[in-house]
Amino acid sequence: MENECKNIDEVRENINKIDRQIVKLISERSRFVGQAAKFKKNSDDVKAPKRVEEVVKKVRGMAEEFDVSPDIVENIYRAMIDNFINYEMRKYSKE
């Protein structure tokens, strides 16, 4: 393990730093998802099941590269993608 913590407070401090980075990246991803709606012709383009599976396959490979469970990463991404599809559908329907 790269960063061996000395106590639970140090573990929590590191997790809090990582959570901040994750939320910042989700925010950045959200802005791009919001932009994507203007390039799509219909709700099927928004849902894009083929693209979802491509992303899931890609992140499962990344998970193996970074030595984390591909199942955990897939579950997180599927939840995130579902939420972003709902967000994008709302943006798409307003345009």
N, C-alpha and C. Protein backbone atom coordinates (compact mmCIF):
# COMPACT_ATOMS: atom_id res chain seq x y z
N MET A 1 0.85 -1.19 0.00
CA MET A 1 0.00 0.00 0.00
C MET A 1 0.89 1.24 0.00
N GLU A 2 0.58 2.17 -0.90
CA GLU A 2 1.41 3.38 -1.03
C GLU A 2 1.39 4.25 0.21
N ASN A 3 0.20 4.60 0.65
CA ASN A 3 0.04 5.53 1.77
C ASN A 3 -0.47 4.78 2.99
N GLU A 4 0.43 4.24 3.75
CA GLU A 4 0.04 3.50 4.95
C GLU A 4 -0.28 4.51 6.05
N CYS A 5 -1.51 4.49 6.52
CA CYS A 5 -1.95 5.43 7.55
C CYS A 5 -1.59 4.90 8.94
N LYS A 6 -1.39 5.84 9.84
CA LYS A 6 -1.00 5.48 11.21
C LYS A 6 -2.20 5.30 12.13
N ASN A 7 -3.35 5.89 11.75
CA ASN A 7 -4.54 5.80 12.60
C ASN A 7 -5.80 6.07 11.77
N ILE A 8 -6.95 5.86 12.38
CA ILE A 8 -8.23 6.02 11.67
C ILE A 8 -8.47 7.46 11.24
N ASP A 9 -8.00 8.42 12.02
CA ASP A 9 -8.17 9.82 11.63
C ASP A 9 -7.43 10.13 10.33
N GLU A 10 -6.25 9.56 10.20
CA GLU A 10 -5.48 9.75 8.97
C GLU A 10 -6.18 9.07 7.79
N VAL A 11 -6.75 7.90 8.02
CA VAL A 11 -7.51 7.22 6.97
C VAL A 11 -8.67 8.11 6.53
N ARG A 12 -9.42 8.63 7.48
CA ARG A 12 -10.58 9.47 7.15
C ARG A 12 -10.17 10.75 6.45
N GLU A 13 -9.08 11.33 6.87
CA GLU A 13 -8.58 12.56 6.23
C GLU A 13 -8.26 12.29 4.76
N ASN A 14 -7.60 11.17 4.49
CA ASN A 14 -7.28 10.82 3.11
C ASN A 14 -8.53 10.52 2.29
N ILE A 15 -9.48 9.82 2.88
CA ILE A 15 -10.75 9.54 2.19
C ILE A 15 -11.48 10.85 1.88
N ASN A 16 -11.49 11.78 2.82
CA ASN A 16 -12.14 13.08 2.59
C ASN A 16 -11.49 13.83 1.44
N LYS A 17 -10.16 13.78 1.34
CA LYS A 17 -9.46 14.44 0.23
C LYS A 17 -9.85 13.81 -1.10
N ILE A 18 -9.90 12.49 -1.11
CA ILE A 18 -10.27 11.77 -2.34
C ILE A 18 -11.73 12.06 -2.71
N ASP A 19 -12.62 12.08 -1.72
CA ASP A 19 -14.03 12.40 -1.99
C ASP A 19 -14.16 13.77 -2.64
N ARG A 20 -13.39 14.72 -2.16
CA ARG A 20 -13.43 16.07 -2.75
C ARG A 20 -13.00 16.03 -4.22
N GLN A 21 -11.96 15.28 -4.52
CA GLN A 21 -11.49 15.14 -5.90
C GLN A 21 -12.54 14.45 -6.76
N ILE A 22 -13.16 13.41 -6.23
CA ILE A 22 -14.19 12.67 -6.97
C ILE A 22 -15.37 13.59 -7.30
N VAL A 23 -15.83 14.33 -6.32
CA VAL A 23 -16.98 15.23 -6.55
C VAL A 23 -16.61 16.31 -7.56
N LYS A 24 -15.40 16.82 -7.48
CA LYS A 24 -14.95 17.82 -8.46
C LYS A 24 -14.96 17.23 -9.87
N LEU A 25 -14.49 16.00 -10.02
CA LEU A 25 -14.48 15.35 -11.33
C LEU A 25 -15.89 15.03 -11.82
N ILE A 26 -16.78 14.65 -10.91
CA ILE A 26 -18.17 14.42 -11.29
C ILE A 26 -18.80 15.72 -11.79
N SER A 27 -18.47 16.81 -11.13
CA SER A 27 -18.97 18.12 -11.56
C SER A 27 -18.48 18.45 -12.97
N GLU A 28 -17.21 18.19 -13.21
CA GLU A 28 -16.64 18.45 -14.53
C GLU A 28 -17.31 17.55 -15.58
N ARG A 29 -17.50 16.29 -15.26
CA ARG A 29 -18.16 15.36 -16.17
C ARG A 29 -19.59 15.82 -16.45
N SER A 30 -20.25 16.31 -15.42
CA SER A 30 -21.62 16.79 -15.55
C SER A 30 -21.72 17.93 -16.56
N ARG A 31 -20.76 18.82 -16.56
CA ARG A 31 -20.78 19.94 -17.51
C ARG A 31 -20.69 19.43 -18.95
N PHE A 32 -19.86 18.41 -19.17
CA PHE A 32 -19.75 17.86 -20.52
C PHE A 32 -21.02 17.10 -20.90
N VAL A 33 -21.60 16.38 -19.97
CA VAL A 33 -22.87 15.69 -20.23
C VAL A 33 -23.93 16.71 -20.62
N GLY A 34 -23.98 17.82 -19.92
CA GLY A 34 -24.94 18.87 -20.23
C GLY A 34 -24.75 19.41 -21.64
N GLN A 35 -23.50 19.52 -22.07
CA GLN A 35 -23.22 20.00 -23.43
C GLN A 35 -23.61 18.97 -24.49
N ALA A 36 -23.52 17.70 -24.13
CA ALA A 36 -23.78 16.63 -25.09
C ALA A 36 -25.21 16.67 -25.63
N ALA A 37 -26.16 17.11 -24.80
CA ALA A 37 -27.57 17.11 -25.21
C ALA A 37 -27.78 17.90 -26.50
N LYS A 38 -27.04 18.97 -26.69
CA LYS A 38 -27.27 19.79 -27.89
C LYS A 38 -26.79 19.12 -29.17
N PHE A 39 -26.02 18.04 -29.05
CA PHE A 39 -25.52 17.34 -30.22
C PHE A 39 -26.35 16.09 -30.56
N LYS A 40 -27.37 15.84 -29.77
CA LYS A 40 -28.16 14.63 -29.96
C LYS A 40 -29.51 14.97 -30.58
N LYS A 41 -29.96 14.07 -31.46
CA LYS A 41 -31.17 14.33 -32.25
C LYS A 41 -32.45 13.90 -31.56
N ASN A 42 -32.37 12.88 -30.68
CA ASN A 42 -33.58 12.38 -30.04
C ASN A 42 -33.23 11.69 -28.72
N SER A 43 -34.25 11.24 -28.01
CA SER A 43 -34.02 10.64 -26.70
C SER A 43 -33.24 9.33 -26.79
N ASP A 44 -33.36 8.62 -27.92
CA ASP A 44 -32.56 7.40 -28.09
C ASP A 44 -31.06 7.72 -28.12
N ASP A 45 -30.73 8.85 -28.74
CA ASP A 45 -29.33 9.29 -28.75
C ASP A 45 -28.85 9.60 -27.33
N VAL A 46 -29.75 10.13 -26.51
CA VAL A 46 -29.39 10.45 -25.12
C VAL A 46 -29.13 9.16 -24.34
N LYS A 47 -30.00 8.18 -24.53
CA LYS A 47 -29.87 6.93 -23.76
C LYS A 47 -28.69 6.09 -24.23
N ALA A 48 -28.44 6.05 -25.50
CA ALA A 48 -27.26 5.43 -26.13
C ALA A 48 -26.76 4.16 -25.44
N PRO A 49 -27.56 3.09 -25.43
CA PRO A 49 -27.15 1.88 -24.71
C PRO A 49 -25.81 1.29 -25.20
N LYS A 50 -25.54 1.41 -26.48
CA LYS A 50 -24.27 0.90 -27.01
C LYS A 50 -23.09 1.67 -26.40
N ARG A 51 -23.24 2.98 -26.30
CA ARG A 51 -22.20 3.82 -25.71
C ARG A 51 -22.01 3.49 -24.23
N VAL A 52 -23.12 3.25 -23.54
CA VAL A 52 -23.04 2.89 -22.11
C VAL A 52 -22.19 1.64 -21.95
N GLU A 53 -22.44 0.63 -22.78
CA GLU A 53 -21.68 -0.62 -22.68
C GLU A 53 -20.21 -0.42 -23.03
N GLU A 54 -19.93 0.47 -23.98
CA GLU A 54 -18.54 0.79 -24.31
C GLU A 54 -17.82 1.41 -23.11
N VAL A 55 -18.50 2.34 -22.44
CA VAL A 55 -17.92 3.00 -21.27
C VAL A 55 -17.69 1.98 -20.16
N VAL A 56 -18.68 1.13 -19.92
CA VAL A 56 -18.55 0.12 -18.86
C VAL A 56 -17.37 -0.81 -19.15
N LYS A 57 -17.25 -1.25 -20.38
CA LYS A 57 -16.13 -2.12 -20.74
C LYS A 57 -14.80 -1.41 -20.51
N LYS A 58 -14.74 -0.15 -20.91
CA LYS A 58 -13.50 0.64 -20.75
C LYS A 58 -13.12 0.79 -19.29
N VAL A 59 -14.09 1.13 -18.43
CA VAL A 59 -13.75 1.36 -17.02
C VAL A 59 -13.46 0.06 -16.28
N ARG A 60 -14.05 -1.04 -16.73
CA ARG A 60 -13.70 -2.34 -16.13
C ARG A 60 -12.22 -2.64 -16.41
N GLY A 61 -11.77 -2.34 -17.61
CA GLY A 61 -10.36 -2.51 -17.94
C GLY A 61 -9.47 -1.61 -17.10
N MET A 62 -9.90 -0.38 -16.91
CA MET A 62 -9.14 0.55 -16.07
C MET A 62 -9.07 0.04 -14.63
N ALA A 63 -10.17 -0.53 -14.17
CA ALA A 63 -10.21 -1.05 -12.80
C ALA A 63 -9.13 -2.11 -12.61
N GLU A 64 -9.01 -3.00 -13.57
CA GLU A 64 -7.97 -4.03 -13.47
C GLU A 64 -6.59 -3.40 -13.49
N GLU A 65 -6.42 -2.39 -14.32
CA GLU A 65 -5.13 -1.69 -14.40
C GLU A 65 -4.76 -1.06 -13.05
N PHE A 66 -5.76 -0.53 -12.33
CA PHE A 66 -5.51 0.15 -11.06
C PHE A 66 -5.77 -0.74 -9.84
N ASP A 67 -5.94 -2.03 -10.08
CA ASP A 67 -6.07 -3.02 -9.01
C ASP A 67 -7.23 -2.72 -8.06
N VAL A 68 -8.40 -2.50 -8.67
CA VAL A 68 -9.64 -2.36 -7.91
C VAL A 68 -10.67 -3.27 -8.56
N SER A 69 -11.63 -3.72 -7.81
CA SER A 69 -12.62 -4.65 -8.33
C SER A 69 -13.37 -4.06 -9.53
N PRO A 70 -13.32 -4.74 -10.69
CA PRO A 70 -14.08 -4.27 -11.85
C PRO A 70 -15.58 -4.23 -11.57
N ASP A 71 -16.08 -5.13 -10.72
CA ASP A 71 -17.51 -5.13 -10.39
C ASP A 71 -17.90 -3.86 -9.63
N ILE A 72 -17.06 -3.45 -8.69
CA ILE A 72 -17.33 -2.22 -7.94
C ILE A 72 -17.35 -1.04 -8.90
N VAL A 73 -16.34 -0.94 -9.74
CA VAL A 73 -16.26 0.17 -10.69
C VAL A 73 -17.46 0.15 -11.64
N GLU A 74 -17.82 -1.01 -12.13
CA GLU A 74 -18.97 -1.10 -13.03
C GLU A 74 -20.24 -0.63 -12.34
N ASN A 75 -20.47 -1.09 -11.11
CA ASN A 75 -21.68 -0.69 -10.38
C ASN A 75 -21.73 0.82 -10.16
N ILE A 76 -20.61 1.40 -9.80
CA ILE A 76 -20.55 2.85 -9.60
C ILE A 76 -20.84 3.57 -10.91
N TYR A 77 -20.21 3.11 -11.98
CA TYR A 77 -20.41 3.77 -13.28
C TYR A 77 -21.83 3.61 -13.79
N ARG A 78 -22.41 2.44 -13.62
CA ARG A 78 -23.80 2.26 -14.08
C ARG A 78 -24.74 3.21 -13.33
N ALA A 79 -24.53 3.36 -12.03
CA ALA A 79 -25.36 4.29 -11.25
C ALA A 79 -25.12 5.73 -11.72
N MET A 80 -23.85 6.08 -11.93
CA MET A 80 -23.52 7.43 -12.36
C MET A 80 -24.11 7.70 -13.75
N ILE A 81 -23.94 6.75 -14.66
CA ILE A 81 -24.45 6.92 -16.02
C ILE A 81 -25.98 7.05 -16.01
N ASP A 82 -26.66 6.22 -15.24
CA ASP A 82 -28.13 6.32 -15.14
C ASP A 82 -28.54 7.71 -14.68
N ASN A 83 -27.85 8.22 -13.69
CA ASN A 83 -28.17 9.57 -13.19
C ASN A 83 -27.86 10.64 -14.23
N PHE A 84 -26.76 10.48 -14.94
CA PHE A 84 -26.43 11.46 -15.98
C PHE A 84 -27.39 11.38 -17.16
N ILE A 85 -27.85 10.18 -17.50
CA ILE A 85 -28.85 10.06 -18.57
C ILE A 85 -30.12 10.81 -18.17
N ASN A 86 -30.56 10.64 -16.93
CA ASN A 86 -31.74 11.37 -16.45
C ASN A 86 -31.50 12.87 -16.51
N TYR A 87 -30.32 13.31 -16.09
CA TYR A 87 -29.96 14.74 -16.13
C TYR A 87 -29.98 15.23 -17.58
N GLU A 88 -29.36 14.46 -18.47
CA GLU A 88 -29.29 14.85 -19.87
C GLU A 88 -30.67 14.85 -20.52
N MET A 89 -31.53 13.91 -20.15
CA MET A 89 -32.89 13.88 -20.68
C MET A 89 -33.64 15.16 -20.29
N ARG A 90 -33.45 15.61 -19.06
CA ARG A 90 -34.09 16.86 -18.63
C ARG A 90 -33.55 18.04 -19.45
N LYS A 91 -32.24 18.08 -19.67
CA LYS A 91 -31.65 19.17 -20.48
C LYS A 91 -32.14 19.06 -21.92
N TYR A 92 -32.17 17.84 -22.45
CA TYR A 92 -32.58 17.63 -23.83
C TYR A 92 -34.02 18.08 -24.05
N SER A 93 -34.89 17.76 -23.10
CA SER A 93 -36.30 18.10 -23.25
C SER A 93 -36.55 19.61 -23.15
N LYS A 94 -35.63 20.36 -22.58
CA LYS A 94 -35.79 21.81 -22.45
C LYS A 94 -35.31 22.54 -23.70
N GLU A 95 -34.55 21.86 -24.56
CA GLU A 95 -33.99 22.55 -25.74
C GLU A 95 -34.89 22.42 -26.93
